[in-house]
């Protein structure tokens, strides 16, 4: 959540951010009104509690009829205190709900508008060219016998699949190489839970406008995560962590689950938008002053890995209306997909500033006075199953075989993926 003091001291900055996102600026007025009602309820409750304490002292000293009168008055006052406490609890709940409706403040310089209003920051490499008909990733994979969508649908339904043989090895290679890169840059590898409590999912901001994308297990009151960002953000919830040596960095390897509600068209063919996939996610806890620099570092590590895989890509500054509620700024890296003649997202990295940490109660001590303040949290994908799409299409050869990038060959075991029996 945003800093509650900002709501009282500079509400116009929140309105300006909401305008950039295309959000409802009246949410600010609703939050201000709810906060004012909360403060009034606090004042009334504390006033009545003060009177109750005074009555308690008077009753203790009183005698005879006076005491009986004071006891009766004290009972009536106790009922008022009880009612005021209930009012306060309701007011606090409403104020929290109103504050939670406000997304993170957009960083200065982020382009306003919706999905189509991004800014391209740079383009890297040349678009691959072919002097033979280009096949899409699914045609290539099915001919090679490395992705089986039909049996995935038979077993689990639409948008599930099996990775088979070299397909499974290729995904494993992507994860293993990403782990090497992450560990080399100081990330501690984790395999986190993929089921989390509601307060953790809520704390990371995934139960707002995108709640329909999340799988919920009603009988257990648990959510399946669509990214290990959720579990890693909850890892230090309600803790004071030590950042004196620099950022705390974790790399979470996990299976991820998303409903992908509303996606359509070419997105539903193959493994571009599926319900289950593998991902290695970088997650950083750092000081507020270091957050922007850490964001650039996360982007650099993503580019390092994509660059060695020989993919043509662009880096975009995502527009405010496409950020999601937690992000203050987000960079996407989109790879060129030859069969679609279009760029498609392979990675995102977001600076969530203190938004998640305030909700989850994660703080650190600030020198020299030792006071605590919320940390900043950042996240970024370092590898995911979708990368296979770009790899297959970019590195396809005339006979339908696939050249394996050099850095992945030790994990795949081949320099070229050919149909089974032809390796």
Protein backbone atom coordinates (compact mmCIF):
# COMPACT_ATOMS: atom_id res chain seq x y z
CA UNK A 1 0.00 0.00 0.00
CA UNK A 2 1.02 3.61 -0.37
CA UNK A 3 2.28 5.62 2.58
CA UNK A 4 -0.85 6.70 4.55
CA UNK A 5 0.86 10.02 5.38
CA UNK A 6 0.93 10.82 1.66
CA UNK A 7 -2.84 10.51 1.53
CA UNK A 8 -3.17 13.26 4.13
CA UNK A 9 -0.23 15.46 3.12
CA UNK A 10 -0.16 15.26 -0.68
CA UNK A 11 -3.28 13.61 -2.12
CA UNK A 12 -2.79 15.39 -5.44
CA UNK A 13 0.32 13.29 -6.14
CA UNK A 14 -1.86 10.18 -5.82
CA UNK A 15 -4.51 11.65 -8.12
CA UNK A 16 -1.84 12.48 -10.69
CA UNK A 17 -0.54 8.91 -10.58
CA UNK A 18 -4.07 7.50 -10.98
CA UNK A 19 -4.67 9.74 -13.99
CA UNK A 20 -1.54 8.34 -15.61
CA UNK A 21 -2.83 4.83 -14.96
CA UNK A 22 -6.31 5.66 -16.25
CA UNK A 23 -7.70 4.88 -12.80
CA UNK A 24 -10.56 6.38 -10.81
CA UNK A 25 -9.28 9.50 -9.02
CA UNK A 26 -12.38 9.47 -6.81
CA UNK A 27 -10.78 6.52 -5.01
CA UNK A 28 -8.48 9.11 -3.43
CA UNK A 29 -11.43 11.08 -2.03
CA UNK A 30 -13.00 7.86 -0.78
CA UNK A 31 -9.77 6.92 0.96
CA UNK A 32 -9.45 10.40 2.51
CA UNK A 33 -13.03 10.21 3.79
CA UNK A 34 -12.49 6.70 5.18
CA UNK A 35 -9.27 7.81 6.88
CA UNK A 36 -11.04 10.82 8.41
CA UNK A 37 -13.86 8.59 9.67
CA UNK A 38 -11.27 6.29 11.19
CA UNK A 39 -9.56 9.16 13.02
CA UNK A 40 -12.91 10.47 14.30
CA UNK A 41 -13.76 6.97 15.55
CA UNK A 42 -10.38 6.74 17.29
CA UNK A 43 -10.97 10.11 19.00
CA UNK A 44 -14.47 9.17 20.15
CA UNK A 45 -13.33 5.80 21.44
CA UNK A 46 -10.37 7.27 23.32
CA UNK A 47 -12.57 10.01 24.84
CA UNK A 48 -15.06 7.45 26.12
CA UNK A 49 -12.28 5.21 27.42
CA UNK A 50 -10.86 8.19 29.29
CA UNK A 51 -14.25 8.87 30.86
CA UNK A 52 -14.54 5.19 31.74
CA UNK A 53 -11.20 5.25 33.54
CA UNK A 54 -12.26 8.34 35.52
CA UNK A 55 -15.53 6.67 36.49
CA UNK A 56 -13.61 3.62 37.63
CA UNK A 57 -11.61 5.79 40.04
CA UNK A 58 -14.75 7.55 41.30
CA UNK A 59 -16.55 4.24 41.88
CA UNK A 60 -13.61 2.94 43.89
CA UNK A 61 -13.81 5.92 46.26
CA UNK A 62 -17.59 6.27 46.49
CA UNK A 63 -19.82 5.08 49.36
CA UNK A 64 -23.45 4.07 49.73
CA UNK A 65 -26.06 5.54 47.38
CA UNK A 66 -23.46 7.57 45.51
CA UNK A 67 -21.61 4.37 44.66
CA UNK A 68 -24.76 2.69 43.38
CA UNK A 69 -25.47 5.67 41.13
CA UNK A 70 -21.91 5.71 39.82
CA UNK A 71 -21.92 1.94 39.17
CA UNK A 72 -25.10 2.27 37.09
CA UNK A 73 -23.58 5.16 35.14
CA UNK A 74 -20.36 3.18 34.64
CA UNK A 75 -22.31 0.25 33.19
CA UNK A 76 -24.05 2.57 30.73
CA UNK A 77 -20.71 4.09 29.81
CA UNK A 78 -19.21 0.64 29.30
CA UNK A 79 -21.91 -0.06 26.72
CA UNK A 80 -21.00 3.17 24.93
CA UNK A 81 -17.32 2.19 24.98
CA UNK A 82 -18.19 -1.23 23.56
CA UNK A 83 -20.23 0.36 20.77
CA UNK A 84 -17.48 2.90 20.04
CA UNK A 85 -14.93 0.10 19.84
CA UNK A 86 -17.10 -1.77 17.31
CA UNK A 87 -17.48 1.45 15.30
CA UNK A 88 -13.72 1.94 15.38
CA UNK A 89 -13.06 -1.61 14.18
CA UNK A 90 -15.47 -1.09 11.28
CA UNK A 91 -13.91 2.28 10.45
CA UNK A 92 -10.41 0.82 10.50
CA UNK A 93 -11.49 -2.01 8.20
CA UNK A 94 -13.10 0.44 5.77
CA UNK A 95 -10.04 2.73 5.83
CA UNK A 96 -7.75 -0.21 5.12
CA UNK A 97 -9.98 -1.40 2.30
CA UNK A 98 -10.02 2.08 0.75
CA UNK A 99 -6.25 2.43 1.08
CA UNK A 100 -5.73 -1.01 -0.49
CA UNK A 101 -7.73 0.10 -3.54
CA UNK A 102 -5.04 2.66 -4.34
CA UNK A 103 -2.23 1.31 -6.55
CA UNK A 104 1.41 2.20 -6.12
CA UNK A 105 2.54 5.65 -7.20
CA UNK A 106 3.93 5.70 -10.72
CA UNK A 107 7.59 6.73 -10.98
CA UNK A 108 8.29 10.04 -12.73
CA UNK A 109 9.03 9.44 -16.39
CA UNK A 110 6.83 6.38 -16.84
CA UNK A 111 4.70 6.89 -19.98
CA UNK A 112 1.02 7.50 -19.23
CA UNK A 113 -1.72 5.50 -20.90
CA UNK A 114 -2.51 1.87 -21.60
CA UNK A 115 -0.79 -1.20 -22.98
CA UNK A 116 -0.10 0.35 -26.39
CA UNK A 117 1.52 3.49 -24.95
CA UNK A 118 4.85 1.92 -23.91
CA UNK A 119 8.17 3.51 -24.82
CA UNK A 120 10.87 1.46 -26.53
CA UNK A 121 14.11 2.05 -24.65
CA UNK A 122 16.37 0.02 -26.95
CA UNK A 123 16.44 -2.73 -29.54
CA UNK A 124 19.18 -5.36 -29.48
CA UNK A 125 20.41 -7.59 -32.31
CA UNK A 126 19.03 -8.18 -35.78
CA UNK A 127 15.73 -9.79 -36.67
CA UNK A 128 16.40 -13.33 -37.89
CA UNK A 129 15.86 -13.82 -41.61
CA UNK A 130 15.05 -17.04 -43.42
CA UNK A 131 15.26 -18.10 -47.07
CA UNK A 132 12.75 -20.88 -46.45
CA UNK A 133 9.19 -20.99 -45.04
CA UNK A 134 9.16 -20.11 -41.33
CA UNK A 135 7.41 -22.58 -39.05
CA UNK A 136 5.85 -21.60 -35.74
CA UNK A 137 7.06 -23.11 -32.48
CA UNK A 138 4.26 -25.64 -32.20
CA UNK A 139 4.66 -27.06 -35.71
CA UNK A 140 8.40 -27.36 -35.09
CA UNK A 141 7.96 -28.94 -31.66
CA UNK A 142 5.32 -31.44 -32.72
CA UNK A 143 7.41 -32.56 -35.69
CA UNK A 144 10.37 -33.04 -33.34
CA UNK A 145 8.20 -34.83 -30.76
CA UNK A 146 9.21 -32.47 -27.94
CA UNK A 147 5.86 -30.85 -27.04
CA UNK A 148 2.61 -32.82 -26.81
CA UNK A 149 -0.43 -30.55 -26.54
CA UNK A 150 -2.99 -33.22 -27.40
CA UNK A 151 -2.10 -35.48 -24.51
CA UNK A 152 -1.77 -32.47 -22.23
CA UNK A 153 -5.38 -31.60 -23.07
CA UNK A 154 -6.44 -35.23 -22.63
CA UNK A 155 -4.93 -35.38 -19.15
CA UNK A 156 -5.60 -31.87 -17.83
CA UNK A 157 -7.67 -29.85 -20.30
CA UNK A 158 -6.92 -27.06 -22.73
CA UNK A 159 -3.68 -25.08 -22.40
CA UNK A 160 -1.82 -27.87 -20.64
CA UNK A 161 0.99 -29.77 -22.31
CA UNK A 162 3.77 -32.30 -21.93
CA UNK A 163 7.39 -31.37 -22.58
CA UNK A 164 8.98 -34.54 -23.93
CA UNK A 165 12.61 -35.61 -24.34
CA UNK A 166 14.65 -32.71 -25.71
CA UNK A 167 11.76 -30.35 -24.89
CA UNK A 168 12.06 -31.18 -21.21
CA UNK A 169 15.84 -30.95 -21.45
CA UNK A 170 15.56 -27.54 -23.10
CA UNK A 171 13.38 -26.15 -20.31
CA UNK A 172 15.72 -27.63 -17.72
CA UNK A 173 18.67 -26.07 -19.57
CA UNK A 174 17.05 -22.64 -19.41
CA UNK A 175 16.47 -22.99 -15.68
CA UNK A 176 19.94 -24.35 -14.95
CA UNK A 177 21.69 -21.62 -16.93
CA UNK A 178 19.51 -18.98 -15.24
CA UNK A 179 20.44 -20.43 -11.85
CA UNK A 180 24.13 -20.13 -12.75
CA UNK A 181 23.67 -16.47 -13.70
CA UNK A 182 21.61 -15.66 -10.60
CA UNK A 183 23.99 -17.33 -8.15
CA UNK A 184 26.98 -15.62 -9.79
CA UNK A 185 25.32 -12.26 -9.03
CA UNK A 186 24.66 -12.99 -5.37
CA UNK A 187 21.18 -14.50 -5.41
CA UNK A 188 20.41 -17.25 -2.94
CA UNK A 189 18.58 -20.08 -4.70
CA UNK A 190 15.23 -21.12 -3.24
CA UNK A 191 12.50 -23.58 -4.13
CA UNK A 192 9.52 -21.89 -2.42
CA UNK A 193 6.00 -23.13 -1.69
CA UNK A 194 3.54 -22.67 -4.53
CA UNK A 195 0.54 -22.46 -2.20
CA UNK A 196 0.26 -19.33 -0.04
CA UNK A 197 -2.10 -17.83 2.53
CA UNK A 198 -4.57 -15.11 1.48
CA UNK A 199 -2.73 -12.40 3.43
CA UNK A 200 0.46 -13.08 1.48
CA UNK A 201 -1.32 -13.05 -1.89
CA UNK A 202 -3.14 -9.87 -0.86
CA UNK A 203 0.08 -8.33 0.44
CA UNK A 204 1.81 -8.66 -2.92
CA UNK A 205 -1.10 -7.04 -4.75
CA UNK A 206 -2.35 -10.03 -6.76
CA UNK A 207 -5.92 -10.02 -5.42
CA UNK A 208 -6.92 -6.73 -7.01
CA UNK A 209 -7.81 -6.26 -10.66
CA UNK A 210 -6.07 -9.52 -11.66
CA UNK A 211 -7.69 -11.75 -9.03
CA UNK A 212 -9.48 -13.68 -11.79
CA UNK A 213 -6.08 -14.96 -12.96
CA UNK A 214 -5.39 -16.71 -9.65
CA UNK A 215 -6.34 -20.28 -8.74
CA UNK A 216 -7.96 -20.55 -5.29
CA UNK A 217 -8.39 -23.73 -3.19
CA UNK A 218 -11.50 -22.89 -1.20
CA UNK A 219 -11.40 -25.88 1.13
CA UNK A 220 -7.86 -25.00 2.23
CA UNK A 221 -8.10 -21.19 1.96
CA UNK A 222 -4.87 -21.19 -0.05
CA UNK A 223 -3.87 -19.69 -3.41
CA UNK A 224 -1.71 -21.24 -6.12
CA UNK A 225 0.99 -18.75 -7.08
CA UNK A 226 1.52 -17.48 -10.62
CA UNK A 227 5.07 -16.47 -9.73
CA UNK A 228 7.44 -17.22 -6.86
CA UNK A 229 7.52 -13.45 -6.28
CA UNK A 230 4.54 -14.01 -3.98
CA UNK A 231 6.22 -16.52 -1.67
CA UNK A 232 9.53 -14.64 -1.72
CA UNK A 233 7.77 -11.39 -0.79
CA UNK A 234 6.15 -13.19 2.14
CA UNK A 235 9.42 -14.78 3.24
CA UNK A 236 10.40 -11.80 5.42
CA UNK A 237 6.89 -10.58 6.28
CA UNK A 238 6.59 -9.00 9.75
CA UNK A 239 10.39 -8.95 10.09
CA UNK A 240 13.12 -6.35 10.48
CA UNK A 241 15.87 -7.44 8.09
CA UNK A 242 19.52 -6.43 7.89
CA UNK A 243 20.48 -4.56 4.70
CA UNK A 244 23.76 -3.20 6.03
CA UNK A 245 25.71 -5.40 3.58
CA UNK A 246 23.48 -4.47 0.63
CA UNK A 247 20.35 -5.96 -0.95
CA UNK A 248 19.03 -9.37 0.04
CA UNK A 249 18.55 -11.29 -3.20
CA UNK A 250 16.67 -14.55 -3.70
CA UNK A 251 16.09 -16.58 -6.86
CA UNK A 252 12.93 -18.69 -6.65
CA UNK A 253 12.55 -21.74 -8.91
CA UNK A 254 8.95 -22.88 -9.03
CA UNK A 255 6.08 -24.21 -11.04
CA UNK A 256 3.58 -21.40 -11.66
CA UNK A 257 -0.17 -21.45 -12.29
CA UNK A 258 -2.37 -18.88 -14.02
CA UNK A 259 -5.93 -19.01 -15.29
CA UNK A 260 -5.05 -16.76 -18.26
CA UNK A 261 -8.65 -15.57 -18.31
CA UNK A 262 -9.49 -13.45 -21.33
CA UNK A 263 -6.49 -14.32 -23.53
CA UNK A 264 -7.44 -15.30 -27.04
CA UNK A 265 -6.39 -15.55 -30.69
CA UNK A 266 -2.81 -16.58 -31.42
CA UNK A 267 -2.03 -16.47 -27.70
CA UNK A 268 -3.84 -19.76 -27.12
CA UNK A 269 -1.86 -21.72 -29.72
CA UNK A 270 1.08 -23.64 -28.32
CA UNK A 271 2.77 -22.63 -25.09
CA UNK A 272 2.66 -18.83 -25.19
CA UNK A 273 -0.21 -18.57 -22.69
CA UNK A 274 -0.74 -21.71 -20.65
CA UNK A 275 -2.03 -22.56 -17.20
CA UNK A 276 1.16 -24.16 -15.84
CA UNK A 277 4.79 -23.31 -16.49
CA UNK A 278 8.22 -23.21 -14.91
CA UNK A 279 10.00 -20.01 -13.93
CA UNK A 280 13.08 -18.70 -12.17
CA UNK A 281 12.25 -15.40 -10.50
CA UNK A 282 14.70 -12.89 -9.06
CA UNK A 283 13.53 -11.05 -5.96
CA UNK A 284 15.37 -8.25 -4.15
CA UNK A 285 14.89 -6.53 -0.81
CA UNK A 286 16.79 -3.26 -0.70
CA UNK A 287 16.72 0.23 0.78
CA UNK A 288 14.42 2.83 -0.69
CA UNK A 289 17.34 4.89 -1.96
CA UNK A 290 18.86 1.93 -3.81
CA UNK A 291 15.67 0.69 -5.48
CA UNK A 292 16.06 2.40 -8.86
CA UNK A 293 19.67 1.24 -9.19
CA UNK A 294 18.68 -2.32 -8.26
CA UNK A 295 15.96 -2.19 -10.91
CA UNK A 296 18.57 -1.41 -13.56
CA UNK A 297 20.75 -4.25 -12.28
CA UNK A 298 17.90 -6.75 -12.57
CA UNK A 299 17.28 -5.61 -16.14
CA UNK A 300 20.97 -6.00 -16.94
CA UNK A 301 21.06 -9.59 -15.72
CA UNK A 302 18.01 -10.43 -17.81
CA UNK A 303 19.70 -8.95 -20.87
CA UNK A 304 22.87 -10.89 -20.15
CA UNK A 305 21.02 -14.20 -20.36
CA UNK A 306 18.86 -13.29 -23.35
CA UNK A 307 21.88 -11.98 -25.22
CA UNK A 308 23.84 -15.21 -24.93
CA UNK A 309 20.87 -17.13 -26.32
CA UNK A 310 21.11 -15.24 -29.60
CA UNK A 311 17.62 -13.71 -29.45
CA UNK A 312 16.61 -10.42 -31.05
CA UNK A 313 14.71 -8.33 -28.50
CA UNK A 314 13.61 -4.91 -27.39
CA UNK A 315 13.35 -3.36 -23.93
CA UNK A 316 10.21 -1.33 -23.22
CA UNK A 317 9.20 1.04 -20.47
CA UNK A 318 5.69 -0.21 -19.69
CA UNK A 319 2.95 2.43 -19.67
CA UNK A 320 1.34 3.37 -16.36
CA UNK A 321 -2.00 1.76 -17.13
CA UNK A 322 -0.35 -1.60 -17.78
CA UNK A 323 1.82 -1.74 -14.66
CA UNK A 324 -0.33 -3.72 -12.24
CA UNK A 325 -1.16 -2.33 -8.82
CA UNK A 326 2.15 -3.07 -7.07
CA UNK A 327 4.65 -1.76 -9.61
CA UNK A 328 5.91 1.79 -9.67
CA UNK A 329 7.85 1.11 -12.88
CA UNK A 330 8.19 -2.00 -15.02
CA UNK A 331 10.52 -2.92 -17.85
CA UNK A 332 9.55 -5.70 -20.23
CA UNK A 333 11.91 -7.49 -22.59
CA UNK A 334 10.12 -8.69 -25.70
CA UNK A 335 11.72 -11.16 -28.10
CA UNK A 336 11.01 -11.27 -31.82
CA UNK A 337 8.79 -14.22 -32.80
CA UNK A 338 9.38 -14.86 -36.53
CA UNK A 339 6.13 -16.72 -37.25
CA UNK A 340 4.07 -13.85 -35.83
CA UNK A 341 6.37 -11.08 -37.09
CA UNK A 342 5.87 -9.51 -33.68
CA UNK A 343 7.59 -8.97 -30.35
CA UNK A 344 6.30 -11.02 -27.43
CA UNK A 345 7.09 -10.56 -23.76
CA UNK A 346 9.70 -12.92 -22.31
CA UNK A 347 10.62 -11.10 -19.09
CA UNK A 348 9.38 -8.37 -16.81
CA UNK A 349 11.14 -6.61 -13.98
CA UNK A 350 9.25 -4.36 -11.57
CA UNK A 351 10.22 -1.85 -8.92
CA UNK A 352 7.48 -2.11 -6.29
CA UNK A 353 9.14 0.47 -4.00
CA UNK A 354 7.65 0.12 -0.49
CA UNK A 355 4.15 -0.91 -1.67
CA UNK A 356 4.41 -4.62 -0.86
CA UNK A 357 6.64 -4.14 2.19
CA UNK A 358 4.12 -1.82 3.88
CA UNK A 359 1.39 -4.42 3.45
CA UNK A 360 3.60 -7.30 4.60
CA UNK A 361 5.36 -5.47 7.43
CA UNK A 362 8.95 -5.85 6.15
CA UNK A 363 11.33 -3.20 7.47
CA UNK A 364 15.02 -2.51 7.98
CA UNK A 365 17.04 -0.33 10.33
CA UNK A 366 18.42 2.95 9.04
CA UNK A 367 21.77 4.16 10.33
CA UNK A 368 22.89 6.07 12.26
CA UNK A 369 19.78 6.44 14.46
CA UNK A 370 18.62 2.82 14.13
CA UNK A 371 15.03 3.74 13.32
CA UNK A 372 13.14 1.37 11.03
CA UNK A 373 11.52 2.05 7.68
CA UNK A 374 9.84 -0.13 5.03
CA UNK A 375 12.19 -1.82 2.58
CA UNK A 376 11.78 -1.64 -1.20
CA UNK A 377 11.01 -4.85 -3.08
CA UNK A 378 11.80 -5.66 -6.70
CA UNK A 379 11.25 -8.68 -8.91
CA UNK A 380 12.27 -9.90 -12.33
CA UNK A 381 11.93 -13.05 -14.42
CA UNK A 382 15.26 -14.63 -15.31
CA UNK A 383 13.87 -17.57 -17.27
CA UNK A 384 10.54 -19.17 -18.02
CA UNK A 385 8.99 -21.85 -20.22
CA UNK A 386 7.81 -19.26 -22.77
CA UNK A 387 11.42 -18.67 -23.79
CA UNK A 388 11.24 -22.00 -25.64
CA UNK A 389 8.92 -20.31 -28.16
CA UNK A 390 11.54 -17.74 -29.16
CA UNK A 391 14.38 -20.27 -29.11
CA UNK A 392 12.64 -22.76 -31.41
CA UNK A 393 11.53 -20.15 -33.92
CA UNK A 394 14.75 -18.12 -33.95
CA UNK A 395 17.09 -21.10 -34.24
CA UNK A 396 15.06 -23.27 -36.62
CA UNK A 397 16.84 -24.75 -39.64
CA UNK A 398 15.49 -25.70 -43.10
CA UNK A 399 14.95 -29.35 -42.13
CA UNK A 400 12.98 -28.39 -39.01
CA UNK A 401 15.83 -29.11 -36.59
CA UNK A 402 16.81 -26.56 -33.92
CA UNK A 403 20.26 -25.18 -33.18
CA UNK A 404 20.89 -25.17 -29.43
CA UNK A 405 22.66 -22.04 -28.10
CA UNK A 406 26.13 -22.85 -26.84
CA UNK A 407 25.42 -21.98 -23.21
CA UNK A 408 22.56 -24.50 -23.12
CA UNK A 409 24.33 -27.38 -24.87
CA UNK A 410 25.88 -28.89 -21.71
CA UNK A 411 22.38 -29.30 -20.24
CA UNK A 412 20.62 -30.46 -23.42
CA UNK A 413 23.40 -32.84 -24.45
CA UNK A 414 23.22 -31.88 -28.15
CA UNK A 415 24.10 -28.90 -30.32
CA UNK A 416 21.08 -29.59 -32.55
CA UNK A 417 17.63 -30.93 -31.65
CA UNK A 418 16.41 -33.37 -34.29
CA UNK A 419 13.52 -35.85 -34.37
CA UNK A 420 13.88 -38.80 -32.02
CA UNK A 421 16.26 -41.38 -33.39
CA UNK A 422 18.14 -38.81 -35.51
CA UNK A 423 20.25 -37.31 -32.70
